[in-house]
Amino acid sequence: MANAAKILQRMRANPRDWRIEDLRVVADRFSIDYRQHGTSHVVFRHPAAGLLTVPSARPVKSVYVRRFLALIGLVEGKQ
């Protein structure tokens, strides 16, 4: 859990050059479901916040990290 908190803190400070695995660690911490069934995209889903589709290219572009952080913000507000 502490690892996810550190990643989230660093992600908020600098949304550039993140891997999809880092987003998955944070998603697990906030009970956000994700799936990637043989595609080049990962879909993050939470009942209170909706869907977010992120390309799984390395590194994840900062625009998608910012959208992911907005999704986390919605989930934090609902908890």
PDB file of N, CA and C in Angstrom:
ATOM      1  N   MET A   1       0.812  -1.199   0.000  1.00  0.00           N
ATOM      2  CA  MET A   1       0.000   0.000   0.000  1.00  0.00           C
ATOM      3  C   MET A   1       0.858   1.267   0.000  1.00  0.00           C
ATOM      4  N   ALA A   2       1.953   1.251   0.763  1.00  0.00           N
ATOM      5  CA  ALA A   2       2.816   2.422   0.813  1.00  0.00           C
ATOM      6  C   ALA A   2       3.437   2.685  -0.553  1.00  0.00           C
ATOM      7  N   ASN A   3       3.738   1.615  -1.285  1.00  0.00           N
ATOM      8  CA  ASN A   3       4.305   1.769  -2.616  1.00  0.00           C
ATOM      9  C   ASN A   3       3.336   2.507  -3.533  1.00  0.00           C
ATOM     10  N   ALA A   4       2.069   2.156  -3.484  1.00  0.00           N
ATOM     11  CA  ALA A   4       1.062   2.819  -4.312  1.00  0.00           C
ATOM     12  C   ALA A   4       0.932   4.293  -3.931  1.00  0.00           C
ATOM     13  N   ALA A   5       1.010   4.589  -2.660  1.00  0.00           N
ATOM     14  CA  ALA A   5       0.918   5.980  -2.211  1.00  0.00           C
ATOM     15  C   ALA A   5       2.107   6.796  -2.719  1.00  0.00           C
ATOM     16  N   LYS A   6       3.293   6.200  -2.682  1.00  0.00           N
ATOM     17  CA  LYS A   6       4.483   6.892  -3.187  1.00  0.00           C
ATOM     18  C   LYS A   6       4.391   7.115  -4.690  1.00  0.00           C
ATOM     19  N   ILE A   7       3.942   6.095  -5.407  1.00  0.00           N
ATOM     20  CA  ILE A   7       3.795   6.228  -6.858  1.00  0.00           C
ATOM     21  C   ILE A   7       2.796   7.331  -7.178  1.00  0.00           C
ATOM     22  N   LEU A   8       1.670   7.343  -6.485  1.00  0.00           N
ATOM     23  CA  LEU A   8       0.640   8.354  -6.732  1.00  0.00           C
ATOM     24  C   LEU A   8       1.169   9.757  -6.443  1.00  0.00           C
ATOM     25  N   GLN A   9       1.904   9.910  -5.370  1.00  0.00           N
ATOM     26  CA  GLN A   9       2.474  11.210  -5.021  1.00  0.00           C
ATOM     27  C   GLN A   9       3.446  11.677  -6.107  1.00  0.00           C
ATOM     28  N   ARG A  10       4.319  10.782  -6.564  1.00  0.00           N
ATOM     29  CA  ARG A  10       5.277  11.128  -7.614  1.00  0.00           C
ATOM     30  C   ARG A  10       4.572  11.376  -8.945  1.00  0.00           C
ATOM     31  N   MET A  11       3.504  10.627  -9.200  1.00  0.00           N
ATOM     32  CA  MET A  11       2.742  10.782 -10.437  1.00  0.00           C
ATOM     33  C   MET A  11       2.068  12.151 -10.476  1.00  0.00           C
ATOM     34  N   ARG A  12       1.556  12.601  -9.349  1.00  0.00           N
ATOM     35  CA  ARG A  12       0.920  13.922  -9.285  1.00  0.00           C
ATOM     36  C   ARG A  12       1.946  15.037  -9.471  1.00  0.00           C
ATOM     37  N   ALA A  13       3.150  14.821  -8.973  1.00  0.00           N
ATOM     38  CA  ALA A  13       4.201  15.827  -9.108  1.00  0.00           C
ATOM     39  C   ALA A  13       4.741  15.895 -10.534  1.00  0.00           C
ATOM     40  N   ASN A  14       4.809  14.743 -11.217  1.00  0.00           N
ATOM     41  CA  ASN A  14       5.354  14.693 -12.568  1.00  0.00           C
ATOM     42  C   ASN A  14       4.607  13.630 -13.371  1.00  0.00           C
ATOM     43  N   PRO A  15       3.646  14.014 -14.192  1.00  0.00           N
ATOM     44  CA  PRO A  15       2.838  13.028 -14.922  1.00  0.00           C
ATOM     45  C   PRO A  15       3.496  12.484 -16.189  1.00  0.00           C
ATOM     46  N   ARG A  16       4.801  12.607 -16.323  1.00  0.00           N
ATOM     47  CA  ARG A  16       5.482  12.138 -17.527  1.00  0.00           C
ATOM     48  C   ARG A  16       6.278  10.865 -17.256  1.00  0.00           C
ATOM     49  N   ASP A  17       6.406  10.044 -18.307  1.00  0.00           N
ATOM     50  CA  ASP A  17       7.277   8.863 -18.302  1.00  0.00           C
ATOM     51  C   ASP A  17       6.865   7.794 -17.292  1.00  0.00           C
ATOM     52  N   TRP A  18       5.600   7.412 -17.305  1.00  0.00           N
ATOM     53  CA  TRP A  18       5.116   6.340 -16.439  1.00  0.00           C
ATOM     54  C   TRP A  18       4.805   5.106 -17.264  1.00  0.00           C
ATOM     55  N   ARG A  19       4.883   3.958 -16.630  1.00  0.00           N
ATOM     56  CA  ARG A  19       4.551   2.691 -17.277  1.00  0.00           C
ATOM     57  C   ARG A  19       3.132   2.289 -16.897  1.00  0.00           C
ATOM     58  N   ILE A  20       2.537   1.468 -17.725  1.00  0.00           N
ATOM     59  CA  ILE A  20       1.178   0.998 -17.462  1.00  0.00           C
ATOM     60  C   ILE A  20       1.140   0.179 -16.170  1.00  0.00           C
ATOM     61  N   GLU A  21       2.244  -0.476 -15.832  1.00  0.00           N
ATOM     62  CA  GLU A  21       2.310  -1.260 -14.595  1.00  0.00           C
ATOM     63  C   GLU A  21       2.164  -0.367 -13.371  1.00  0.00           C
ATOM     64  N   ASP A  22       2.706   0.848 -13.439  1.00  0.00           N
ATOM     65  CA  ASP A  22       2.569   1.795 -12.323  1.00  0.00           C
ATOM     66  C   ASP A  22       1.106   2.212 -12.138  1.00  0.00           C
ATOM     67  N   LEU A  23       0.419   2.431 -13.248  1.00  0.00           N
ATOM     68  CA  LEU A  23      -1.000   2.776 -13.172  1.00  0.00           C
ATOM     69  C   LEU A  23      -1.801   1.625 -12.577  1.00  0.00           C
ATOM     70  N   ARG A  24      -1.422   0.406 -12.902  1.00  0.00           N
ATOM     71  CA  ARG A  24      -2.125  -0.761 -12.356  1.00  0.00           C
ATOM     72  C   ARG A  24      -1.939  -0.876 -10.848  1.00  0.00           C
ATOM     73  N   VAL A  25      -0.735  -0.565 -10.349  1.00  0.00           N
ATOM     74  CA  VAL A  25      -0.485  -0.617  -8.902  1.00  0.00           C
ATOM     75  C   VAL A  25      -1.394   0.373  -8.181  1.00  0.00           C
ATOM     76  N   VAL A  26      -1.490   1.580  -8.707  1.00  0.00           N
ATOM     77  CA  VAL A  26      -2.342   2.602  -8.094  1.00  0.00           C
ATOM     78  C   VAL A  26      -3.817   2.211  -8.221  1.00  0.00           C
ATOM     79  N   ALA A  27      -4.195   1.651  -9.362  1.00  0.00           N
ATOM     80  CA  ALA A  27      -5.585   1.220  -9.562  1.00  0.00           C
ATOM     81  C   ALA A  27      -5.972   0.152  -8.548  1.00  0.00           C
ATOM     82  N   ASP A  28      -5.071  -0.783  -8.275  1.00  0.00           N
ATOM     83  CA  ASP A  28      -5.352  -1.811  -7.269  1.00  0.00           C
ATOM     84  C   ASP A  28      -5.595  -1.190  -5.904  1.00  0.00           C
ATOM     85  N   ARG A  29      -4.841  -0.163  -5.574  1.00  0.00           N
ATOM     86  CA  ARG A  29      -4.965   0.503  -4.275  1.00  0.00           C
ATOM     87  C   ARG A  29      -6.347   1.135  -4.089  1.00  0.00           C
ATOM     88  N   PHE A  30      -6.929   1.630  -5.192  1.00  0.00           N
ATOM     89  CA  PHE A  30      -8.221   2.309  -5.123  1.00  0.00           C
ATOM     90  C   PHE A  30      -9.373   1.442  -5.608  1.00  0.00           C
ATOM     91  N   SER A  31      -9.151   0.154  -5.706  1.00  0.00           N
ATOM     92  CA  SER A  31     -10.181  -0.814  -6.131  1.00  0.00           C
ATOM     93  C   SER A  31     -10.769  -0.475  -7.497  1.00  0.00           C
ATOM     94  N   ILE A  32      -9.905  -0.025  -8.391  1.00  0.00           N
ATOM     95  CA  ILE A  32     -10.311   0.255  -9.762  1.00  0.00           C
ATOM     96  C   ILE A  32     -10.014  -0.990 -10.588  1.00  0.00           C
ATOM     97  N   ASP A  33     -11.028  -1.507 -11.259  1.00  0.00           N
ATOM     98  CA  ASP A  33     -10.848  -2.678 -12.111  1.00  0.00           C
ATOM     99  C   ASP A  33     -10.151  -2.263 -13.397  1.00  0.00           C
ATOM    100  N   TYR A  34      -9.371  -3.172 -13.950  1.00  0.00           N
ATOM    101  CA  TYR A  34      -8.763  -2.921 -15.256  1.00  0.00           C
ATOM    102  C   TYR A  34      -8.734  -4.218 -16.034  1.00  0.00           C
ATOM    103  N   ARG A  35      -8.731  -4.072 -17.357  1.00  0.00           N
ATOM    104  CA  ARG A  35      -8.673  -5.255 -18.213  1.00  0.00           C
ATOM    105  C   ARG A  35      -7.890  -4.921 -19.473  1.00  0.00           C
ATOM    106  N   GLN A  36      -7.235  -5.952 -19.975  1.00  0.00           N
ATOM    107  CA  GLN A  36      -6.486  -5.848 -21.225  1.00  0.00           C
ATOM    108  C   GLN A  36      -6.467  -7.241 -21.837  1.00  0.00           C
ATOM    109  N   HIS A  37      -7.431  -7.524 -22.659  1.00  0.00           N
ATOM    110  CA  HIS A  37      -7.559  -8.848 -23.251  1.00  0.00           C
ATOM    111  C   HIS A  37      -6.958  -8.855 -24.647  1.00  0.00           C
ATOM    112  N   GLY A  38      -5.644  -8.976 -24.733  1.00  0.00           N
ATOM    113  CA  GLY A  38      -4.984  -9.093 -26.019  1.00  0.00           C
ATOM    114  C   GLY A  38      -5.058  -7.859 -26.892  1.00  0.00           C
ATOM    115  N   THR A  39      -5.281  -6.716 -26.304  1.00  0.00           N
ATOM    116  CA  THR A  39      -5.353  -5.477 -27.074  1.00  0.00           C
ATOM    117  C   THR A  39      -4.208  -4.560 -26.687  1.00  0.00           C
ATOM    118  N   SER A  40      -4.094  -3.473 -27.396  1.00  0.00           N
ATOM    119  CA  SER A  40      -3.027  -2.519 -27.112  1.00  0.00           C
ATOM    120  C   SER A  40      -3.477  -1.427 -26.149  1.00  0.00           C
ATOM    121  N   HIS A  41      -4.642  -1.595 -25.542  1.00  0.00           N
ATOM    122  CA  HIS A  41      -5.177  -0.616 -24.599  1.00  0.00           C
ATOM    123  C   HIS A  41      -5.588  -1.301 -23.301  1.00  0.00           C
ATOM    124  N   VAL A  42      -5.521  -0.545 -22.225  1.00  0.00           N
ATOM    125  CA  VAL A  42      -6.001  -1.008 -20.923  1.00  0.00           C
ATOM    126  C   VAL A  42      -7.202  -0.147 -20.559  1.00  0.00           C
ATOM    127  N   VAL A  43      -8.267  -0.789 -20.106  1.00  0.00           N
ATOM    128  CA  VAL A  43      -9.478  -0.069 -19.709  1.00  0.00           C
ATOM    129  C   VAL A  43      -9.572  -0.107 -18.186  1.00  0.00           C
ATOM    130  N   PHE A  44      -9.546   1.068 -17.568  1.00  0.00           N
ATOM    131  CA  PHE A  44      -9.718   1.195 -16.126  1.00  0.00           C
ATOM    132  C   PHE A  44     -11.177   1.546 -15.883  1.00  0.00           C
ATOM    133  N   ARG A  45     -11.782   0.880 -14.880  1.00  0.00           N
ATOM    134  CA  ARG A  45     -13.214   1.077 -14.638  1.00  0.00           C
ATOM    135  C   ARG A  45     -13.497   1.092 -13.140  1.00  0.00           C
ATOM    136  N   HIS A  46     -14.330   2.046 -12.740  1.00  0.00           N
ATOM    137  CA  HIS A  46     -14.807   2.123 -11.359  1.00  0.00           C
ATOM    138  C   HIS A  46     -16.271   2.549 -11.412  1.00  0.00           C
ATOM    139  N   PRO A  47     -17.143   1.902 -10.622  1.00  0.00           N
ATOM    140  CA  PRO A  47     -18.576   2.224 -10.689  1.00  0.00           C
ATOM    141  C   PRO A  47     -18.893   3.692 -10.398  1.00  0.00           C
ATOM    142  N   ALA A  48     -18.129   4.316  -9.525  1.00  0.00           N
ATOM    143  CA  ALA A  48     -18.420   5.702  -9.152  1.00  0.00           C
ATOM    144  C   ALA A  48     -17.779   6.719 -10.090  1.00  0.00           C
ATOM    145  N   ALA A  49     -16.818   6.278 -10.913  1.00  0.00           N
ATOM    146  CA  ALA A  49     -16.072   7.243 -11.716  1.00  0.00           C
ATOM    147  C   ALA A  49     -16.122   6.985 -13.215  1.00  0.00           C
ATOM    148  N   GLY A  50     -16.588   5.843 -13.643  1.00  0.00           N
ATOM    149  CA  GLY A  50     -16.698   5.574 -15.072  1.00  0.00           C
ATOM    150  C   GLY A  50     -15.495   4.847 -15.644  1.00  0.00           C
ATOM    151  N   LEU A  51     -15.284   5.030 -16.957  1.00  0.00           N
ATOM    152  CA  LEU A  51     -14.248   4.324 -17.705  1.00  0.00           C
ATOM    153  C   LEU A  51     -13.137   5.261 -18.144  1.00  0.00           C
ATOM    154  N   LEU A  52     -11.947   4.691 -18.283  1.00  0.00           N
ATOM    155  CA  LEU A  52     -10.820   5.397 -18.877  1.00  0.00           C
ATOM    156  C   LEU A  52     -10.029   4.389 -19.686  1.00  0.00           C
ATOM    157  N   THR A  53      -9.837   4.658 -20.970  1.00  0.00           N
ATOM    158  CA  THR A  53      -9.055   3.792 -21.837  1.00  0.00           C
ATOM    159  C   THR A  53      -7.685   4.422 -22.035  1.00  0.00           C
ATOM    160  N   VAL A  54      -6.629   3.626 -21.773  1.00  0.00           N
ATOM    161  CA  VAL A  54      -5.259   4.115 -21.861  1.00  0.00           C
ATOM    162  C   VAL A  54      -4.468   3.204 -22.792  1.00  0.00           C
ATOM    163  N   PRO A  55      -3.799   3.764 -23.810  1.00  0.00           N
ATOM    164  CA  PRO A  55      -2.929   2.933 -24.643  1.00  0.00           C
ATOM    165  C   PRO A  55      -1.773   2.398 -23.803  1.00  0.00           C
ATOM    166  N   SER A  56      -1.384   1.163 -24.046  1.00  0.00           N
ATOM    167  CA  SER A  56      -0.341   0.559 -23.215  1.00  0.00           C
ATOM    168  C   SER A  56       1.054   0.761 -23.784  1.00  0.00           C
ATOM    169  N   ALA A  57       1.261   1.827 -24.536  1.00  0.00           N
ATOM    170  CA  ALA A  57       2.584   2.145 -25.073  1.00  0.00           C
ATOM    171  C   ALA A  57       3.495   2.600 -23.944  1.00  0.00           C
ATOM    172  N   ARG A  58       4.797   2.435 -24.159  1.00  0.00           N
ATOM    173  CA  ARG A  58       5.759   2.895 -23.160  1.00  0.00           C
ATOM    174  C   ARG A  58       6.462   4.121 -23.676  1.00  0.00           C
ATOM    175  N   PRO A  59       6.613   5.139 -22.914  1.00  0.00           N
ATOM    176  CA  PRO A  59       5.897   5.416 -21.675  1.00  0.00           C
ATOM    177  C   PRO A  59       4.475   5.891 -21.976  1.00  0.00           C
ATOM    178  N   VAL A  60       3.631   5.850 -20.958  1.00  0.00           N
ATOM    179  CA  VAL A  60       2.261   6.347 -21.096  1.00  0.00           C
ATOM    180  C   VAL A  60       2.341   7.868 -21.215  1.00  0.00           C
ATOM    181  N   LYS A  61       1.671   8.420 -22.192  1.00  0.00           N
ATOM    182  CA  LYS A  61       1.717   9.867 -22.399  1.00  0.00           C
ATOM    183  C   LYS A  61       1.087  10.594 -21.216  1.00  0.00           C
ATOM    184  N   SER A  62       1.608  11.793 -20.964  1.00  0.00           N
ATOM    185  CA  SER A  62       1.182  12.546 -19.784  1.00  0.00           C
ATOM    186  C   SER A  62      -0.309  12.888 -19.815  1.00  0.00           C
ATOM    187  N   VAL A  63      -0.900  13.049 -20.989  1.00  0.00           N
ATOM    188  CA  VAL A  63      -2.329  13.359 -21.055  1.00  0.00           C
ATOM    189  C   VAL A  63      -3.152  12.220 -20.452  1.00  0.00           C
ATOM    190  N   TYR A  64      -2.736  10.975 -20.682  1.00  0.00           N
ATOM    191  CA  TYR A  64      -3.458   9.835 -20.120  1.00  0.00           C
ATOM    192  C   TYR A  64      -3.196   9.700 -18.621  1.00  0.00           C
ATOM    193  N   VAL A  65      -2.001  10.064 -18.181  1.00  0.00           N
ATOM    194  CA  VAL A  65      -1.707  10.031 -16.743  1.00  0.00           C
ATOM    195  C   VAL A  65      -2.559  11.074 -16.031  1.00  0.00           C
ATOM    196  N   ARG A  66      -2.709  12.251 -16.627  1.00  0.00           N
ATOM    197  CA  ARG A  66      -3.561  13.286 -16.018  1.00  0.00           C
ATOM    198  C   ARG A  66      -5.018  12.834 -15.944  1.00  0.00           C
ATOM    199  N   ARG A  67      -5.481  12.177 -16.992  1.00  0.00           N
ATOM    200  CA  ARG A  67      -6.853  11.652 -16.969  1.00  0.00           C
ATOM    201  C   ARG A  67      -7.000  10.567 -15.914  1.00  0.00           C
ATOM    202  N   PHE A  68      -5.970   9.744 -15.759  1.00  0.00           N
ATOM    203  CA  PHE A  68      -5.983   8.710 -14.726  1.00  0.00           C
ATOM    204  C   PHE A  68      -6.019   9.353 -13.343  1.00  0.00           C
ATOM    205  N   LEU A  69      -5.249  10.418 -13.149  1.00  0.00           N
ATOM    206  CA  LEU A  69      -5.259  11.127 -11.868  1.00  0.00           C
ATOM    207  C   LEU A  69      -6.626  11.754 -11.596  1.00  0.00           C
ATOM    208  N   ALA A  70      -7.295  12.228 -12.633  1.00  0.00           N
ATOM    209  CA  ALA A  70      -8.657  12.760 -12.461  1.00  0.00           C
ATOM    210  C   ALA A  70      -9.610  11.643 -12.047  1.00  0.00           C
ATOM    211  N   LEU A  71      -9.438  10.462 -12.625  1.00  0.00           N
ATOM    212  CA  LEU A  71     -10.251   9.301 -12.242  1.00  0.00           C
ATOM    213  C   LEU A  71     -10.011   8.952 -10.775  1.00  0.00           C
ATOM    214  N   ILE A  72      -8.755   8.974 -10.355  1.00  0.00           N
ATOM    215  CA  ILE A  72      -8.410   8.714  -8.951  1.00  0.00           C
ATOM    216  C   ILE A  72      -9.071   9.767  -8.061  1.00  0.00           C
ATOM    217  N   GLY A  73      -9.045  11.021  -8.489  1.00  0.00           N
ATOM    218  CA  GLY A  73      -9.688  12.090  -7.720  1.00  0.00           C
ATOM    219  C   GLY A  73     -11.176  11.859  -7.540  1.00  0.00           C
ATOM    220  N   LEU A  74     -11.841  11.388  -8.588  1.00  0.00           N
ATOM    221  CA  LEU A  74     -13.267  11.075  -8.471  1.00  0.00           C
ATOM    222  C   LEU A  74     -13.506   9.937  -7.489  1.00  0.00           C
ATOM    223  N   VAL A  75     -12.652   8.930  -7.548  1.00  0.00           N
ATOM    224  CA  VAL A  75     -12.800   7.787  -6.638  1.00  0.00           C
ATOM    225  C   VAL A  75     -12.527   8.220  -5.203  1.00  0.00           C
ATOM    226  N   GLU A  76     -11.510   9.054  -4.999  1.00  0.00           N
ATOM    227  CA  GLU A  76     -11.201   9.540  -3.646  1.00  0.00           C
ATOM    228  C   GLU A  76     -12.365  10.352  -3.083  1.00  0.00           C
ATOM    229  N   GLY A  77     -13.012  11.125  -3.919  1.00  0.00           N
ATOM    230  CA  GLY A  77     -14.148  11.931  -3.480  1.00  0.00           C
ATOM    231  C   GLY A  77     -15.350  11.091  -3.094  1.00  0.00           C
ATOM    232  N   LYS A  78     -15.482   9.907  -3.675  1.00  0.00           N
ATOM    233  CA  LYS A  78     -16.625   9.028  -3.404  1.00  0.00           C
ATOM    234  C   LYS A  78     -16.392   8.136  -2.195  1.00  0.00           C
ATOM    235  N   GLN A  79     -15.127   7.987  -1.783  1.00  0.00           N
ATOM    236  CA  GLN A  79     -14.842   7.083  -0.658  1.00  0.00           C
ATOM    237  C   GLN A  79     -15.015   7.771   0.668  1.00  0.00           C
TER     238      GLN A  79
END
